[in-house]
Amino acid sequence: MKRVDNRLNHEIASMEDREDWQMRVLVTGGLIGACVGLLTSWLLVRTSREVRGGPPAISTGDAIKVGVTTIGLVRAIAALGDRR
């Protein structure tokens, strides 16, 4: 009976380890994304204040370029999970 208990404890610990790495990746990615987003926003505000003296004038074309670039970046990051 003790052998079964030990095996069960190892299996439970193994399951927790597998779930733990996923949570660490999600939290780390979220924190990095939030920091990068804040830094980018701060740079946009600072540059716009220095150059224009007010809010930024973002054209539709510029917004589309940033959106396409962001999608490419997200796809590249997601592809890192395919590596063996």
PDB file of N, CA and C in Angstrom:
ATOM      1  N   MET A   1       0.821  -1.189   0.000  1.00  0.00           N
ATOM      2  CA  MET A   1       0.000   0.000   0.000  1.00  0.00           C
ATOM      3  C   MET A   1       0.867   1.256   0.000  1.00  0.00           C
ATOM      4  N   LYS A   2       1.977   1.197   0.725  1.00  0.00           N
ATOM      5  CA  LYS A   2       2.862   2.352   0.795  1.00  0.00           C
ATOM      6  C   LYS A   2       3.456   2.655  -0.579  1.00  0.00           C
ATOM      7  N   ARG A   3       3.754   1.606  -1.335  1.00  0.00           N
ATOM      8  CA  ARG A   3       4.314   1.775  -2.681  1.00  0.00           C
ATOM      9  C   ARG A   3       3.312   2.517  -3.576  1.00  0.00           C
ATOM     10  N   VAL A   4       2.042   2.173  -3.466  1.00  0.00           N
ATOM     11  CA  VAL A   4       0.996   2.833  -4.254  1.00  0.00           C
ATOM     12  C   VAL A   4       0.900   4.303  -3.855  1.00  0.00           C
ATOM     13  N   ASP A   5       0.957   4.573  -2.564  1.00  0.00           N
ATOM     14  CA  ASP A   5       0.893   5.955  -2.091  1.00  0.00           C
ATOM     15  C   ASP A   5       2.068   6.775  -2.611  1.00  0.00           C
ATOM     16  N   ASN A   6       3.265   6.206  -2.578  1.00  0.00           N
ATOM     17  CA  ASN A   6       4.441   6.919  -3.082  1.00  0.00           C
ATOM     18  C   ASN A   6       4.312   7.200  -4.573  1.00  0.00           C
ATOM     19  N   ARG A   7       3.853   6.198  -5.322  1.00  0.00           N
ATOM     20  CA  ARG A   7       3.691   6.382  -6.772  1.00  0.00           C
ATOM     21  C   ARG A   7       2.652   7.463  -7.053  1.00  0.00           C
ATOM     22  N   LEU A   8       1.564   7.444  -6.317  1.00  0.00           N
ATOM     23  CA  LEU A   8       0.517   8.444  -6.495  1.00  0.00           C
ATOM     24  C   LEU A   8       1.043   9.839  -6.159  1.00  0.00           C
ATOM     25  N   ASN A   9       1.826   9.942  -5.102  1.00  0.00           N
ATOM     26  CA  ASN A   9       2.409  11.233  -4.736  1.00  0.00           C
ATOM     27  C   ASN A   9       3.335  11.751  -5.832  1.00  0.00           C
ATOM     28  N   HIS A  10       4.128  10.862  -6.437  1.00  0.00           N
ATOM     29  CA  HIS A  10       5.022  11.271  -7.528  1.00  0.00           C
ATOM     30  C   HIS A  10       4.225  11.724  -8.748  1.00  0.00           C
ATOM     31  N   GLU A  11       3.139  11.023  -9.045  1.00  0.00           N
ATOM     32  CA  GLU A  11       2.309  11.400 -10.198  1.00  0.00           C
ATOM     33  C   GLU A  11       1.654  12.753  -9.961  1.00  0.00           C
ATOM     34  N   ILE A  12       1.167  12.984  -8.767  1.00  0.00           N
ATOM     35  CA  ILE A  12       0.544  14.275  -8.447  1.00  0.00           C
ATOM     36  C   ILE A  12       1.578  15.386  -8.524  1.00  0.00           C
ATOM     37  N   ALA A  13       2.764  15.152  -7.988  1.00  0.00           N
ATOM     38  CA  ALA A  13       3.828  16.159  -8.061  1.00  0.00           C
ATOM     39  C   ALA A  13       4.216  16.434  -9.507  1.00  0.00           C
ATOM     40  N   SER A  14       4.253  15.397 -10.323  1.00  0.00           N
ATOM     41  CA  SER A  14       4.588  15.565 -11.737  1.00  0.00           C
ATOM     42  C   SER A  14       3.527  16.396 -12.448  1.00  0.00           C
ATOM     43  N   MET A  15       2.259  16.155 -12.142  1.00  0.00           N
ATOM     44  CA  MET A  15       1.182  16.935 -12.748  1.00  0.00           C
ATOM     45  C   MET A  15       1.282  18.397 -12.333  1.00  0.00           C
ATOM     46  N   GLU A  16       1.601  18.643 -11.071  1.00  0.00           N
ATOM     47  CA  GLU A  16       1.726  20.020 -10.601  1.00  0.00           C
ATOM     48  C   GLU A  16       2.882  20.726 -11.292  1.00  0.00           C
ATOM     49  N   ASP A  17       3.992  20.016 -11.528  1.00  0.00           N
ATOM     50  CA  ASP A  17       5.125  20.610 -12.233  1.00  0.00           C
ATOM     51  C   ASP A  17       4.745  20.981 -13.655  1.00  0.00           C
ATOM     52  N   ARG A  18       3.997  20.113 -14.323  1.00  0.00           N
ATOM     53  CA  ARG A  18       3.584  20.393 -15.702  1.00  0.00           C
ATOM     54  C   ARG A  18       2.674  21.608 -15.763  1.00  0.00           C
ATOM     55  N   GLU A  19       1.771  21.747 -14.822  1.00  0.00           N
ATOM     56  CA  GLU A  19       0.874  22.894 -14.799  1.00  0.00           C
ATOM     57  C   GLU A  19       1.607  24.144 -14.332  1.00  0.00           C
ATOM     58  N   ASP A  20       2.592  23.988 -13.487  1.00  0.00           N
ATOM     59  CA  ASP A  20       3.319  25.127 -12.936  1.00  0.00           C
ATOM     60  C   ASP A  20       4.088  25.872 -14.017  1.00  0.00           C
ATOM     61  N   TRP A  21       4.730  25.174 -14.948  1.00  0.00           N
ATOM     62  CA  TRP A  21       5.508  25.862 -15.979  1.00  0.00           C
ATOM     63  C   TRP A  21       4.593  26.675 -16.876  1.00  0.00           C
ATOM     64  N   GLN A  22       3.387  26.185 -17.116  1.00  0.00           N
ATOM     65  CA  GLN A  22       2.461  26.935 -17.955  1.00  0.00           C
ATOM     66  C   GLN A  22       2.066  28.245 -17.285  1.00  0.00           C
ATOM     67  N   MET A  23       1.791  28.187 -16.005  1.00  0.00           N
ATOM     68  CA  MET A  23       1.412  29.397 -15.278  1.00  0.00           C
ATOM     69  C   MET A  23       2.579  30.379 -15.230  1.00  0.00           C
ATOM     70  N   ARG A  24       3.795  29.865 -15.035  1.00  0.00           N
ATOM     71  CA  ARG A  24       4.966  30.752 -15.017  1.00  0.00           C
ATOM     72  C   ARG A  24       5.144  31.443 -16.357  1.00  0.00           C
ATOM     73  N   VAL A  25       4.953  30.703 -17.463  1.00  0.00           N
ATOM     74  CA  VAL A  25       5.088  31.301 -18.795  1.00  0.00           C
ATOM     75  C   VAL A  25       4.020  32.367 -19.002  1.00  0.00           C
ATOM     76  N   LEU A  26       2.786  32.080 -18.615  1.00  0.00           N
ATOM     77  CA  LEU A  26       1.704  33.051 -18.789  1.00  0.00           C
ATOM     78  C   LEU A  26       1.934  34.320 -17.972  1.00  0.00           C
ATOM     79  N   VAL A  27       2.315  34.166 -16.728  1.00  0.00           N
ATOM     80  CA  VAL A  27       2.541  35.334 -15.871  1.00  0.00           C
ATOM     81  C   VAL A  27       3.741  36.137 -16.359  1.00  0.00           C
ATOM     82  N   THR A  28       4.829  35.449 -16.693  1.00  0.00           N
ATOM     83  CA  THR A  28       6.024  36.143 -17.182  1.00  0.00           C
ATOM     84  C   THR A  28       5.731  36.872 -18.485  1.00  0.00           C
ATOM     85  N   GLY A  29       5.051  36.206 -19.406  1.00  0.00           N
ATOM     86  CA  GLY A  29       4.695  36.843 -20.673  1.00  0.00           C
ATOM     87  C   GLY A  29       3.791  38.042 -20.475  1.00  0.00           C
ATOM     88  N   GLY A  30       2.837  37.911 -19.575  1.00  0.00           N
ATOM     89  CA  GLY A  30       1.940  39.035 -19.284  1.00  0.00           C
ATOM     90  C   GLY A  30       2.675  40.222 -18.697  1.00  0.00           C
ATOM     91  N   LEU A  31       3.589  39.948 -17.774  1.00  0.00           N
ATOM     92  CA  LEU A  31       4.358  41.038 -17.167  1.00  0.00           C
ATOM     93  C   LEU A  31       5.278  41.708 -18.181  1.00  0.00           C
ATOM     94  N   ILE A  32       5.938  40.907 -19.008  1.00  0.00           N
ATOM     95  CA  ILE A  32       6.820  41.478 -20.033  1.00  0.00           C
ATOM     96  C   ILE A  32       6.001  42.300 -21.020  1.00  0.00           C
ATOM     97  N   GLY A  33       4.842  41.769 -21.441  1.00  0.00           N
ATOM     98  CA  GLY A  33       3.977  42.498 -22.362  1.00  0.00           C
ATOM     99  C   GLY A  33       3.486  43.810 -21.779  1.00  0.00           C
ATOM    100  N   ALA A  34       3.117  43.797 -20.505  1.00  0.00           N
ATOM    101  CA  ALA A  34       2.658  45.023 -19.857  1.00  0.00           C
ATOM    102  C   ALA A  34       3.783  46.051 -19.773  1.00  0.00           C
ATOM    103  N   CYS A  35       4.975  45.600 -19.419  1.00  0.00           N
ATOM    104  CA  CYS A  35       6.119  46.519 -19.328  1.00  0.00           C
ATOM    105  C   CYS A  35       6.473  47.102 -20.691  1.00  0.00           C
ATOM    106  N   VAL A  36       6.485  46.260 -21.719  1.00  0.00           N
ATOM    107  CA  VAL A  36       6.798  46.746 -23.071  1.00  0.00           C
ATOM    108  C   VAL A  36       5.718  47.718 -23.536  1.00  0.00           C
ATOM    109  N   GLY A  37       4.458  47.409 -23.258  1.00  0.00           N
ATOM    110  CA  GLY A  37       3.361  48.303 -23.629  1.00  0.00           C
ATOM    111  C   GLY A  37       3.459  49.653 -22.940  1.00  0.00           C
ATOM    112  N   LEU A  38       3.755  49.650 -21.649  1.00  0.00           N
ATOM    113  CA  LEU A  38       3.910  50.911 -20.915  1.00  0.00           C
ATOM    114  C   LEU A  38       5.087  51.720 -21.435  1.00  0.00           C
ATOM    115  N   LEU A  39       6.205  51.055 -21.687  1.00  0.00           N
ATOM    116  CA  LEU A  39       7.378  51.748 -22.206  1.00  0.00           C
ATOM    117  C   LEU A  39       7.093  52.349 -23.579  1.00  0.00           C
ATOM    118  N   THR A  40       6.426  51.586 -24.432  1.00  0.00           N
ATOM    119  CA  THR A  40       6.098  52.072 -25.769  1.00  0.00           C
ATOM    120  C   THR A  40       5.157  53.271 -25.693  1.00  0.00           C
ATOM    121  N   SER A  41       4.152  53.189 -24.843  1.00  0.00           N
ATOM    122  CA  SER A  41       3.222  54.310 -24.681  1.00  0.00           C
ATOM    123  C   SER A  41       3.935  55.545 -24.156  1.00  0.00           C
ATOM    124  N   TRP A  42       4.822  55.345 -23.194  1.00  0.00           N
ATOM    125  CA  TRP A  42       5.570  56.474 -22.644  1.00  0.00           C
ATOM    126  C   TRP A  42       6.431  57.134 -23.722  1.00  0.00           C
ATOM    127  N   LEU A  43       7.093  56.312 -24.548  1.00  0.00           N
ATOM    128  CA  LEU A  43       7.911  56.863 -25.632  1.00  0.00           C
ATOM    129  C   LEU A  43       7.055  57.629 -26.635  1.00  0.00           C
ATOM    130  N   LEU A  44       5.874  57.117 -26.963  1.00  0.00           N
ATOM    131  CA  LEU A  44       4.973  57.804 -27.887  1.00  0.00           C
ATOM    132  C   LEU A  44       4.544  59.152 -27.323  1.00  0.00           C
ATOM    133  N   VAL A  45       4.165  59.179 -26.065  1.00  0.00           N
ATOM    134  CA  VAL A  45       3.738  60.431 -25.427  1.00  0.00           C
ATOM    135  C   VAL A  45       4.894  61.419 -25.369  1.00  0.00           C
ATOM    136  N   ARG A  46       6.057  60.958 -24.970  1.00  0.00           N
ATOM    137  CA  ARG A  46       7.213  61.850 -24.858  1.00  0.00           C
ATOM    138  C   ARG A  46       7.593  62.446 -26.207  1.00  0.00           C
ATOM    139  N   THR A  47       7.657  61.609 -27.229  1.00  0.00           N
ATOM    140  CA  THR A  47       8.030  62.086 -28.560  1.00  0.00           C
ATOM    141  C   THR A  47       6.990  63.057 -29.098  1.00  0.00           C
ATOM    142  N   SER A  48       5.722  62.732 -28.921  1.00  0.00           N
ATOM    143  CA  SER A  48       4.660  63.609 -29.409  1.00  0.00           C
ATOM    144  C   SER A  48       4.678  64.949 -28.680  1.00  0.00           C
ATOM    145  N   ARG A  49       4.930  64.924 -27.393  1.00  0.00           N
ATOM    146  CA  ARG A  49       4.991  66.166 -26.618  1.00  0.00           C
ATOM    147  C   ARG A  49       6.150  67.040 -27.086  1.00  0.00           C
ATOM    148  N   GLU A  50       7.303  66.419 -27.355  1.00  0.00           N
ATOM    149  CA  GLU A  50       8.477  67.185 -27.777  1.00  0.00           C
ATOM    150  C   GLU A  50       8.321  67.731 -29.190  1.00  0.00           C
ATOM    151  N   VAL A  51       7.757  66.942 -30.099  1.00  0.00           N
ATOM    152  CA  VAL A  51       7.687  67.330 -31.505  1.00  0.00           C
ATOM    153  C   VAL A  51       6.447  68.166 -31.798  1.00  0.00           C
ATOM    154  N   ARG A  52       5.284  67.720 -31.345  1.00  0.00           N
ATOM    155  CA  ARG A  52       4.034  68.381 -31.690  1.00  0.00           C
ATOM    156  C   ARG A  52       3.501  69.269 -30.581  1.00  0.00           C
ATOM    157  N   GLY A  53       3.889  69.024 -29.370  1.00  0.00           N
ATOM    158  CA  GLY A  53       3.369  69.794 -28.248  1.00  0.00           C
ATOM    159  C   GLY A  53       1.973  69.355 -27.836  1.00  0.00           C
ATOM    160  N   GLY A  54       1.508  68.235 -28.341  1.00  0.00           N
ATOM    161  CA  GLY A  54       0.170  67.744 -28.016  1.00  0.00           C
ATOM    162  C   GLY A  54       0.046  66.273 -28.343  1.00  0.00           C
ATOM    163  N   PRO A  55      -1.197  65.828 -28.497  1.00  0.00           N
ATOM    164  CA  PRO A  55      -1.410  64.402 -28.771  1.00  0.00           C
ATOM    165  C   PRO A  55      -0.858  63.994 -30.131  1.00  0.00           C
ATOM    166  N   PRO A  56      -0.510  62.732 -30.280  1.00  0.00           N
ATOM    167  CA  PRO A  56       0.068  62.275 -31.548  1.00  0.00           C
ATOM    168  C   PRO A  56      -0.979  62.236 -32.659  1.00  0.00           C
ATOM    169  N   ALA A  57      -0.520  62.472 -33.870  1.00  0.00           N
ATOM    170  CA  ALA A  57      -1.386  62.357 -35.047  1.00  0.00           C
ATOM    171  C   ALA A  57      -1.041  61.039 -35.729  1.00  0.00           C
ATOM    172  N   ILE A  58      -1.825  60.014 -35.440  1.00  0.00           N
ATOM    173  CA  ILE A  58      -1.566  58.687 -35.990  1.00  0.00           C
ATOM    174  C   ILE A  58      -2.530  58.465 -37.151  1.00  0.00           C
ATOM    175  N   SER A  59      -1.975  58.252 -38.330  1.00  0.00           N
ATOM    176  CA  SER A  59      -2.814  58.023 -39.509  1.00  0.00           C
ATOM    177  C   SER A  59      -3.278  56.570 -39.548  1.00  0.00           C
ATOM    178  N   THR A  60      -4.280  56.328 -40.367  1.00  0.00           N
ATOM    179  CA  THR A  60      -4.791  54.969 -40.529  1.00  0.00           C
ATOM    180  C   THR A  60      -3.709  54.046 -41.076  1.00  0.00           C
ATOM    181  N   GLY A  61      -2.931  54.552 -42.018  1.00  0.00           N
ATOM    182  CA  GLY A  61      -1.851  53.748 -42.590  1.00  0.00           C
ATOM    183  C   GLY A  61      -0.818  53.356 -41.554  1.00  0.00           C
ATOM    184  N   ASP A  62      -0.469  54.310 -40.687  1.00  0.00           N
ATOM    185  CA  ASP A  62       0.489  54.004 -39.620  1.00  0.00           C
ATOM    186  C   ASP A  62      -0.074  52.956 -38.659  1.00  0.00           C
ATOM    187  N   ALA A  63      -1.356  53.083 -38.329  1.00  0.00           N
ATOM    188  CA  ALA A  63      -1.984  52.119 -37.417  1.00  0.00           C
ATOM    189  C   ALA A  63      -2.004  50.721 -38.036  1.00  0.00           C
ATOM    190  N   ILE A  64      -2.269  50.647 -39.341  1.00  0.00           N
ATOM    191  CA  ILE A  64      -2.278  49.343 -40.021  1.00  0.00           C
ATOM    192  C   ILE A  64      -0.879  48.741 -40.034  1.00  0.00           C
ATOM    193  N   LYS A  65       0.137  49.568 -40.290  1.00  0.00           N
ATOM    194  CA  LYS A  65       1.523  49.072 -40.286  1.00  0.00           C
ATOM    195  C   LYS A  65       1.896  48.497 -38.921  1.00  0.00           C
ATOM    196  N   VAL A  66       1.539  49.223 -37.869  1.00  0.00           N
ATOM    197  CA  VAL A  66       1.848  48.753 -36.515  1.00  0.00           C
ATOM    198  C   VAL A  66       1.080  47.463 -36.220  1.00  0.00           C
ATOM    199  N   GLY A  67      -0.176  47.393 -36.648  1.00  0.00           N
ATOM    200  CA  GLY A  67      -0.977  46.189 -36.431  1.00  0.00           C
ATOM    201  C   GLY A  67      -0.401  44.969 -37.126  1.00  0.00           C
ATOM    202  N   VAL A  68       0.009  45.137 -38.387  1.00  0.00           N
ATOM    203  CA  VAL A  68       0.587  44.015 -39.139  1.00  0.00           C
ATOM    204  C   VAL A  68       1.909  43.581 -38.508  1.00  0.00           C
ATOM    205  N   THR A  69       2.709  44.541 -38.101  1.00  0.00           N
ATOM    206  CA  THR A  69       3.983  44.221 -37.450  1.00  0.00           C
ATOM    207  C   THR A  69       3.747  43.483 -36.135  1.00  0.00           C
ATOM    208  N   THR A  70       2.743  43.919 -35.384  1.00  0.00           N
ATOM    209  CA  THR A  70       2.425  43.275 -34.111  1.00  0.00           C
ATOM    210  C   THR A  70       1.965  41.839 -34.331  1.00  0.00           C
ATOM    211  N   ILE A  71       1.137  41.616 -35.337  1.00  0.00           N
ATOM    212  CA  ILE A  71       0.682  40.256 -35.639  1.00  0.00           C
ATOM    213  C   ILE A  71       1.871  39.372 -36.006  1.00  0.00           C
ATOM    214  N   GLY A  72       2.800  39.907 -36.794  1.00  0.00           N
ATOM    215  CA  GLY A  72       4.001  39.150 -37.145  1.00  0.00           C
ATOM    216  C   GLY A  72       4.837  38.806 -35.927  1.00  0.00           C
ATOM    217  N   LEU A  73       4.959  39.753 -35.011  1.00  0.00           N
ATOM    218  CA  LEU A  73       5.724  39.515 -33.784  1.00  0.00           C
ATOM    219  C   LEU A  73       5.061  38.435 -32.932  1.00  0.00           C
ATOM    220  N   VAL A  74       3.741  38.505 -32.802  1.00  0.00           N
ATOM    221  CA  VAL A  74       3.019  37.502 -32.015  1.00  0.00           C
ATOM    222  C   VAL A  74       3.175  36.114 -32.640  1.00  0.00           C
ATOM    223  N   ARG A  75       3.094  36.030 -33.960  1.00  0.00           N
ATOM    224  CA  ARG A  75       3.273  34.742 -34.636  1.00  0.00           C
ATOM    225  C   ARG A  75       4.687  34.203 -34.419  1.00  0.00           C
ATOM    226  N   ALA A  76       5.683  35.084 -34.463  1.00  0.00           N
ATOM    227  CA  ALA A  76       7.068  34.647 -34.251  1.00  0.00           C
ATOM    228  C   ALA A  76       7.263  34.126 -32.831  1.00  0.00           C
ATOM    229  N   ILE A  77       6.666  34.804 -31.861  1.00  0.00           N
ATOM    230  CA  ILE A  77       6.786  34.355 -30.469  1.00  0.00           C
ATOM    231  C   ILE A  77       6.062  33.021 -30.288  1.00  0.00           C
ATOM    232  N   ALA A  78       4.878  32.888 -30.879  1.00  0.00           N
ATOM    233  CA  ALA A  78       4.124  31.633 -30.765  1.00  0.00           C
ATOM    234  C   ALA A  78       4.881  30.480 -31.418  1.00  0.00           C
ATOM    235  N   ALA A  79       5.625  30.756 -32.482  1.00  0.00           N
ATOM    236  CA  ALA A  79       6.387  29.714 -33.174  1.00  0.00           C
ATOM    237  C   ALA A  79       7.547  29.199 -32.327  1.00  0.00           C
ATOM    238  N   LEU A  80       7.959  29.951 -31.324  1.00  0.00           N
ATOM    239  CA  LEU A  80       9.026  29.475 -30.443  1.00  0.00           C
ATOM    240  C   LEU A  80       8.610  28.196 -29.719  1.00  0.00           C
ATOM    241  N   GLY A  81       7.309  28.018 -29.508  1.00  0.00           N
ATOM    242  CA  GLY A  81       6.814  26.815 -28.844  1.00  0.00           C
ATOM    243  C   GLY A  81       6.901  25.574 -29.708  1.00  0.00           C
ATOM    244  N   ASP A  82       7.098  25.738 -31.027  1.00  0.00           N
ATOM    245  CA  ASP A  82       7.200  24.592 -31.932  1.00  0.00           C
ATOM    246  C   ASP A  82       8.574  23.952 -31.922  1.00  0.00           C
ATOM    247  N   ARG A  83       9.550  24.657 -31.405  1.00  0.00           N
ATOM    248  CA  ARG A  83      10.919  24.120 -31.403  1.00  0.00           C
ATOM    249  C   ARG A  83      11.007  22.899 -30.513  1.00  0.00           C
ATOM    250  N   ARG A  84      11.856  21.982 -30.905  1.00  0.00           N
ATOM    251  CA  ARG A  84      12.028  20.754 -30.101  1.00  0.00           C
ATOM    252  C   ARG A  84      13.354  20.763 -29.418  1.00  0.00           C
TER     253      ARG A  84
END
